[in-house]
Protein backbone atom coordinates (compact mmCIF):
# COMPACT_ATOMS: atom_id res chain seq x y z
CA MET A 1 -53.42 -39.76 14.17
CA ARG A 2 -52.79 -38.30 10.72
CA LEU A 3 -56.49 -38.48 9.97
CA LEU A 4 -57.20 -36.54 13.15
CA ALA A 5 -54.66 -33.87 12.18
CA ILE A 6 -56.15 -33.58 8.69
CA LEU A 7 -59.67 -33.33 10.15
CA MET A 8 -58.54 -30.65 12.62
CA LEU A 9 -56.87 -28.66 9.83
CA THR A 10 -59.96 -28.97 7.68
CA MET A 11 -62.25 -27.88 10.53
CA LEU A 12 -60.05 -24.91 11.34
CA THR A 13 -60.02 -23.92 7.69
CA MET A 14 -63.80 -24.13 7.39
CA LEU A 15 -64.63 -22.53 10.73
CA THR A 16 -62.20 -19.61 10.61
CA GLY A 17 -63.34 -18.38 7.22
CA CYS A 18 -59.91 -18.79 5.66
CA SER A 19 -59.87 -19.58 2.01
CA MET A 20 -57.79 -22.38 0.60
CA LYS A 21 -55.84 -19.81 -1.42
CA SER A 22 -54.16 -18.62 1.76
CA PHE A 23 -52.65 -22.11 2.20
CA TYR A 24 -51.22 -22.36 -1.35
CA THR A 25 -48.05 -20.40 -0.65
CA PRO A 26 -46.97 -22.27 2.51
CA ALA A 27 -47.93 -25.63 1.00
CA ALA A 28 -45.97 -24.89 -2.18
CA THR A 29 -42.96 -23.72 -0.14
CA VAL A 30 -42.90 -26.88 1.96
CA THR A 31 -43.38 -29.07 -1.10
CA GLY A 32 -40.63 -27.25 -2.98
CA ALA A 33 -38.26 -27.63 -0.03
CA ALA A 34 -39.07 -31.32 0.27
CA ILE A 35 -38.41 -31.95 -3.40
CA GLY A 36 -35.29 -29.76 -3.36
CA SER A 37 -33.92 -31.61 -0.34
CA ILE A 38 -33.00 -34.45 -2.65
CA GLY A 39 -30.13 -32.21 -3.80
CA GLY A 40 -29.13 -31.35 -0.25
CA PRO A 41 -29.55 -28.18 1.81
CA VAL A 42 -28.85 -25.86 -1.13
CA GLY A 43 -31.42 -27.72 -3.25
CA ALA A 44 -33.97 -27.46 -0.44
CA GLY A 45 -33.46 -23.72 -0.21
CA LEU A 46 -33.70 -23.28 -3.99
CA GLY A 47 -36.78 -25.52 -4.19
CA ALA A 48 -38.50 -23.60 -1.40
CA GLY A 49 -37.66 -20.25 -3.00
CA VAL A 50 -38.86 -21.26 -6.47
CA ALA A 51 -42.06 -22.79 -5.11
CA TYR A 52 -42.72 -19.73 -2.93
CA ALA A 53 -42.24 -17.37 -5.88
CA GLY A 54 -44.51 -19.45 -8.10
CA ALA A 55 -47.24 -19.62 -5.48
CA GLU A 56 -47.05 -15.87 -4.85
CA LEU A 57 -47.29 -15.13 -8.59
CA TRP A 58 -50.30 -17.41 -8.86
CA THR A 59 -51.97 -15.77 -5.86
CA LEU A 60 -51.20 -12.28 -7.16
CA GLU A 61 -52.63 -13.17 -10.55
CA ASP A 62 -55.93 -14.04 -8.87
CA GLU A 63 -55.83 -10.85 -6.78
CA ASN A 64 -55.14 -8.82 -9.93
CA LYS A 65 -58.17 -10.36 -11.60
CA GLN A 66 -60.27 -9.33 -8.62
CA LEU A 67 -58.76 -5.84 -8.72
CA VAL A 68 -59.46 -5.45 -12.43
CA THR A 69 -63.02 -6.66 -11.90
CA ALA A 70 -63.51 -4.18 -9.06
CA ILE A 71 -62.07 -1.29 -11.07
CA THR A 72 -64.10 -2.18 -14.15
CA THR A 73 -67.28 -2.56 -12.15
CA GLY A 74 -66.63 0.76 -10.43
CA ASP A 75 -66.01 2.47 -13.77
CA VAL A 76 -69.19 1.10 -15.26
CA GLN A 77 -71.16 2.20 -12.23
CA GLY A 78 -69.58 5.65 -12.50
CA ILE A 79 -70.50 5.93 -16.18
CA VAL A 80 -74.06 4.84 -15.48
CA ALA A 81 -74.31 7.35 -12.62
CA ALA A 82 -73.03 10.15 -14.87
CA GLN A 83 -75.56 9.28 -17.57
CA MET A 84 -78.34 9.15 -15.00
CA ARG A 85 -77.42 12.63 -13.77
CA GLY A 86 -77.99 13.87 -17.30
CA GLN A 87 -81.35 12.12 -17.42
CA GLU A 88 -82.56 13.37 -14.04
CA GLY A 89 -83.82 16.65 -15.49
CA LYS A 90 -85.83 14.84 -18.15
CA ILE A 91 -87.17 12.37 -15.62
CA ASN A 92 -88.25 15.22 -13.34
CA GLU A 93 -89.96 16.97 -16.27
CA VAL A 94 -91.89 13.86 -17.23
CA THR A 95 -92.84 13.18 -13.62
CA SER A 96 -94.03 16.76 -13.19
CA GLY A 97 -96.09 16.50 -16.37
CA ILE A 98 -97.68 13.28 -15.19
CA TRP A 99 -98.60 14.83 -11.82
CA THR A 100 -100.11 17.88 -13.55
CA THR A 101 -102.19 15.63 -15.80
CA LEU A 102 -103.36 13.61 -12.81
CA LYS A 103 -104.38 16.79 -10.96
CA TYR A 104 -106.43 18.02 -13.93
CA ALA A 105 -108.02 14.59 -14.31
CA ALA A 106 -108.97 14.59 -10.61
CA LEU A 107 -110.57 18.03 -10.96
CA VAL A 108 -112.56 16.89 -14.01
CA VAL A 109 -113.75 13.74 -12.19
CA LEU A 110 -114.80 15.80 -9.14
CA GLY A 111 -116.63 18.23 -11.40
CA ILE A 112 -118.49 15.46 -13.20
CA MET A 113 -119.38 13.77 -9.93
CA SER A 114 -120.67 17.02 -8.40
CA ILE A 115 -123.12 17.71 -11.26
CA PRO A 116 -125.71 15.16 -10.01
CA LEU A 117 -125.49 16.71 -6.55
CA PHE A 118 -126.46 20.14 -7.87
CA ILE A 119 -129.20 18.69 -10.09
CA THR A 120 -130.63 16.72 -7.16
CA ARG A 121 -130.56 19.80 -4.93
CA SER A 122 -132.33 21.87 -7.57
CA ASN A 123 -134.95 19.16 -8.11
CA ALA A 124 -135.43 18.78 -4.34
CA LYS A 125 -136.15 22.51 -4.06
CA LYS A 126 -138.66 22.31 -6.94
CA ILE A 127 -140.36 19.30 -5.36
CA ASP A 128 -140.51 21.03 -1.97
CA LYS A 129 -142.06 24.08 -3.63
CA ILE A 130 -144.65 21.92 -5.38
CA CYS A 131 -145.44 20.09 -2.12
CA GLU A 132 -145.87 23.38 -0.26
CA GLU A 133 -148.18 24.70 -2.97
CA THR A 134 -150.21 21.50 -2.84
CA LYS A 135 -150.54 21.67 0.97
CA ASN A 136 -151.54 25.28 0.79
CA ALA A 137 -154.04 24.57 -1.95
CA LYS A 138 -155.69 21.78 0.09
CA THR A 139 -155.93 23.89 3.21
CA ASP A 140 -157.52 26.82 1.37
């Protein structure tokens, strides 16, 4: 029966998303009361109170570590964001310069690629003129 109760408690803990830290305070209070009960009802009360206070301090210490981590992480992210705001102008300048260079390079490439087209057109006209002169010369 005890095994079933332990299994049920374990399943509830795992399935409900509760952390084990939430059980430290009640467990410490019950344990403190049980140990203090050796001295009678007053001892049980004192044991429960001392155990409860110790468990709460231990839990708060962990929460404070999480709070300090969150604050520190937030501060670092804020500092990085402030530095990035200062760099945005430079980044935009560099990006603009790169785009301008790419546009000029594209124009140069198009110009170089269009040269053979104009040469071919000019040669085609010369060849057509020669062919027409040859036809006319044969017919005359």
